[in-house]
Amino acid sequence: MGPEAAKLIGAGLATIALAGVGIGIGNIFGNLIAGGLRNPAAVPKMMGNVFLGFALTEAIALFALVIAMLLLFVF
């Protein structure tokens, strides 16, 4: 296996994290909807935590994409 193939395989493995991010974002907003249906008055109090969780989860996706791009174009 040459270095070019190793770069492509490494970039592909780095993007596996995006599947986990998709699952995490789905869980965050799915639980917000479930909690909001049980207690609609609590939704405004939960929104700050939901957006924080979304931002932190999305940051993982950005880190994974940065690693993939570094593997492809820098090394």
N, C-alpha and C. Protein backbone atom coordinates (compact mmCIF):
# COMPACT_ATOMS: atom_id res chain seq x y z
N MET A 1 0.86 -1.17 0.00
CA MET A 1 0.00 0.00 0.00
C MET A 1 0.90 1.23 0.00
N GLY A 2 0.62 2.12 -0.92
CA GLY A 2 1.41 3.33 -1.03
C GLY A 2 0.93 4.43 -0.11
N PRO A 3 1.68 5.50 -0.02
CA PRO A 3 1.28 6.61 0.87
C PRO A 3 -0.01 7.29 0.42
N GLU A 4 -0.27 7.32 -0.88
CA GLU A 4 -1.51 7.95 -1.34
C GLU A 4 -2.73 7.15 -0.90
N ALA A 5 -2.64 5.85 -0.95
CA ALA A 5 -3.75 5.00 -0.50
C ALA A 5 -3.95 5.13 1.00
N ALA A 6 -2.86 5.22 1.75
CA ALA A 6 -2.97 5.38 3.20
C ALA A 6 -3.64 6.70 3.55
N LYS A 7 -3.35 7.76 2.78
CA LYS A 7 -3.99 9.05 3.02
C LYS A 7 -5.49 8.96 2.81
N LEU A 8 -5.90 8.29 1.73
CA LEU A 8 -7.32 8.17 1.43
C LEU A 8 -8.05 7.32 2.47
N ILE A 9 -7.42 6.24 2.89
CA ILE A 9 -8.03 5.40 3.92
C ILE A 9 -8.13 6.16 5.24
N GLY A 10 -7.09 6.89 5.61
CA GLY A 10 -7.13 7.67 6.85
C GLY A 10 -8.20 8.74 6.81
N ALA A 11 -8.36 9.42 5.69
CA ALA A 11 -9.40 10.44 5.57
C ALA A 11 -10.79 9.81 5.66
N GLY A 12 -10.95 8.65 5.06
CA GLY A 12 -12.23 7.96 5.17
C GLY A 12 -12.54 7.54 6.60
N LEU A 13 -11.53 7.08 7.31
CA LEU A 13 -11.74 6.70 8.71
C LEU A 13 -12.03 7.91 9.58
N ALA A 14 -11.44 9.05 9.25
CA ALA A 14 -11.69 10.26 10.04
C ALA A 14 -13.13 10.73 9.90
N THR A 15 -13.75 10.44 8.78
CA THR A 15 -15.13 10.90 8.58
C THR A 15 -16.16 9.96 9.19
N ILE A 16 -15.74 8.85 9.77
CA ILE A 16 -16.69 7.97 10.47
C ILE A 16 -17.34 8.71 11.64
N ALA A 17 -16.64 9.68 12.19
CA ALA A 17 -17.20 10.46 13.31
C ALA A 17 -18.47 11.19 12.90
N LEU A 18 -18.64 11.45 11.62
CA LEU A 18 -19.84 12.18 11.18
C LEU A 18 -21.11 11.34 11.39
N ALA A 19 -21.00 10.04 11.35
CA ALA A 19 -22.17 9.20 11.63
C ALA A 19 -22.60 9.36 13.09
N GLY A 20 -21.63 9.38 13.98
CA GLY A 20 -21.94 9.60 15.39
C GLY A 20 -22.52 10.97 15.65
N VAL A 21 -22.04 11.96 14.92
CA VAL A 21 -22.58 13.31 15.08
C VAL A 21 -24.03 13.37 14.63
N GLY A 22 -24.34 12.72 13.53
CA GLY A 22 -25.73 12.68 13.07
C GLY A 22 -26.66 12.02 14.08
N ILE A 23 -26.19 10.95 14.66
CA ILE A 23 -26.98 10.26 15.69
C ILE A 23 -27.14 11.15 16.92
N GLY A 24 -26.06 11.82 17.31
CA GLY A 24 -26.12 12.70 18.49
C GLY A 24 -27.07 13.87 18.31
N ILE A 25 -27.04 14.50 17.14
CA ILE A 25 -27.94 15.63 16.89
C ILE A 25 -29.39 15.15 16.85
N GLY A 26 -29.61 13.99 16.27
CA GLY A 26 -30.96 13.43 16.27
C GLY A 26 -31.47 13.15 17.67
N ASN A 27 -30.59 12.65 18.53
CA ASN A 27 -30.98 12.40 19.93
C ASN A 27 -31.29 13.70 20.65
N ILE A 28 -30.49 14.72 20.43
CA ILE A 28 -30.69 15.99 21.12
C ILE A 28 -32.06 16.56 20.79
N PHE A 29 -32.37 16.68 19.51
CA PHE A 29 -33.64 17.31 19.13
C PHE A 29 -34.82 16.37 19.32
N GLY A 30 -34.61 15.07 19.20
CA GLY A 30 -35.68 14.13 19.50
C GLY A 30 -36.10 14.18 20.95
N ASN A 31 -35.12 14.28 21.84
CA ASN A 31 -35.45 14.38 23.26
C ASN A 31 -36.06 15.73 23.60
N LEU A 32 -35.67 16.79 22.88
CA LEU A 32 -36.32 18.09 23.09
C LEU A 32 -37.79 18.01 22.72
N ILE A 33 -38.10 17.38 21.62
CA ILE A 33 -39.50 17.26 21.20
C ILE A 33 -40.27 16.40 22.19
N ALA A 34 -39.67 15.29 22.62
CA ALA A 34 -40.36 14.42 23.58
C ALA A 34 -40.60 15.15 24.91
N GLY A 35 -39.59 15.89 25.38
CA GLY A 35 -39.77 16.64 26.62
C GLY A 35 -40.76 17.79 26.46
N GLY A 36 -40.74 18.42 25.29
CA GLY A 36 -41.67 19.51 25.04
C GLY A 36 -43.11 19.04 24.95
N LEU A 37 -43.33 17.84 24.47
CA LEU A 37 -44.69 17.31 24.42
C LEU A 37 -45.20 16.95 25.81
N ARG A 38 -44.29 16.55 26.69
CA ARG A 38 -44.70 16.21 28.07
C ARG A 38 -44.96 17.47 28.89
N ASN A 39 -44.11 18.50 28.71
CA ASN A 39 -44.23 19.71 29.50
C ASN A 39 -43.89 20.91 28.62
N PRO A 40 -44.89 21.45 27.91
CA PRO A 40 -44.62 22.55 26.98
C PRO A 40 -44.09 23.82 27.67
N ALA A 41 -44.38 24.00 28.93
CA ALA A 41 -43.93 25.20 29.63
C ALA A 41 -42.43 25.17 29.89
N ALA A 42 -41.82 24.01 29.86
CA ALA A 42 -40.39 23.88 30.14
C ALA A 42 -39.52 24.07 28.91
N VAL A 43 -40.12 24.14 27.72
CA VAL A 43 -39.32 24.23 26.49
C VAL A 43 -38.44 25.47 26.46
N PRO A 44 -38.93 26.67 26.82
CA PRO A 44 -38.03 27.83 26.78
C PRO A 44 -36.82 27.70 27.72
N LYS A 45 -36.99 27.00 28.83
CA LYS A 45 -35.88 26.80 29.76
C LYS A 45 -34.86 25.81 29.21
N MET A 46 -35.32 24.87 28.37
CA MET A 46 -34.43 23.85 27.83
C MET A 46 -33.66 24.31 26.60
N MET A 47 -34.09 25.37 25.94
CA MET A 47 -33.51 25.74 24.65
C MET A 47 -32.03 26.10 24.75
N GLY A 48 -31.61 26.74 25.82
CA GLY A 48 -30.19 27.07 25.97
C GLY A 48 -29.32 25.83 26.03
N ASN A 49 -29.75 24.86 26.80
CA ASN A 49 -29.00 23.60 26.89
C ASN A 49 -29.02 22.84 25.58
N VAL A 50 -30.13 22.91 24.86
CA VAL A 50 -30.23 22.21 23.58
C VAL A 50 -29.26 22.82 22.57
N PHE A 51 -29.22 24.15 22.51
CA PHE A 51 -28.32 24.79 21.56
C PHE A 51 -26.86 24.58 21.94
N LEU A 52 -26.57 24.52 23.22
CA LEU A 52 -25.20 24.23 23.65
C LEU A 52 -24.81 22.81 23.25
N GLY A 53 -25.70 21.86 23.48
CA GLY A 53 -25.43 20.48 23.07
C GLY A 53 -25.28 20.35 21.57
N PHE A 54 -26.11 21.07 20.82
CA PHE A 54 -26.00 21.04 19.36
C PHE A 54 -24.66 21.62 18.91
N ALA A 55 -24.25 22.73 19.50
CA ALA A 55 -22.99 23.36 19.10
C ALA A 55 -21.79 22.47 19.42
N LEU A 56 -21.79 21.85 20.58
CA LEU A 56 -20.67 20.98 20.94
C LEU A 56 -20.64 19.73 20.07
N THR A 57 -21.81 19.20 19.74
CA THR A 57 -21.86 18.02 18.88
C THR A 57 -21.41 18.37 17.46
N GLU A 58 -21.83 19.54 16.99
CA GLU A 58 -21.43 19.97 15.65
C GLU A 58 -19.93 20.27 15.59
N ALA A 59 -19.35 20.69 16.71
CA ALA A 59 -17.91 20.94 16.74
C ALA A 59 -17.12 19.67 16.49
N ILE A 60 -17.63 18.55 16.96
CA ILE A 60 -16.97 17.27 16.70
C ILE A 60 -16.94 16.99 15.20
N ALA A 61 -18.04 17.31 14.51
CA ALA A 61 -18.07 17.11 13.06
C ALA A 61 -17.05 18.00 12.37
N LEU A 62 -16.93 19.23 12.81
CA LEU A 62 -15.96 20.13 12.20
C LEU A 62 -14.53 19.65 12.45
N PHE A 63 -14.26 19.16 13.65
CA PHE A 63 -12.93 18.63 13.94
C PHE A 63 -12.62 17.43 13.04
N ALA A 64 -13.59 16.56 12.84
CA ALA A 64 -13.38 15.38 11.99
C ALA A 64 -13.12 15.79 10.54
N LEU A 65 -13.84 16.80 10.07
CA LEU A 65 -13.61 17.25 8.70
C LEU A 65 -12.26 17.93 8.55
N VAL A 66 -11.84 18.67 9.56
CA VAL A 66 -10.52 19.30 9.51
C VAL A 66 -9.43 18.23 9.46
N ILE A 67 -9.57 17.20 10.26
CA ILE A 67 -8.57 16.11 10.25
C ILE A 67 -8.56 15.44 8.87
N ALA A 68 -9.74 15.19 8.31
CA ALA A 68 -9.80 14.55 6.99
C ALA A 68 -9.14 15.43 5.93
N MET A 69 -9.39 16.72 5.97
CA MET A 69 -8.78 17.62 4.98
C MET A 69 -7.27 17.72 5.18
N LEU A 70 -6.83 17.72 6.43
CA LEU A 70 -5.38 17.73 6.68
C LEU A 70 -4.72 16.47 6.11
N LEU A 71 -5.38 15.34 6.31
CA LEU A 71 -4.82 14.10 5.78
C LEU A 71 -4.76 14.10 4.26
N LEU A 72 -5.78 14.68 3.64
CA LEU A 72 -5.83 14.66 2.18
C LEU A 72 -4.89 15.65 1.53
N PHE A 73 -4.82 16.86 2.05
CA PHE A 73 -4.15 17.92 1.32
C PHE A 73 -2.83 18.40 1.92
N VAL A 74 -2.52 18.07 3.16
CA VAL A 74 -1.30 18.58 3.77
C VAL A 74 -0.23 17.50 3.83
N PHE A 75 -0.59 16.34 4.29
CA PHE A 75 0.43 15.29 4.47
C PHE A 75 0.67 14.52 3.20
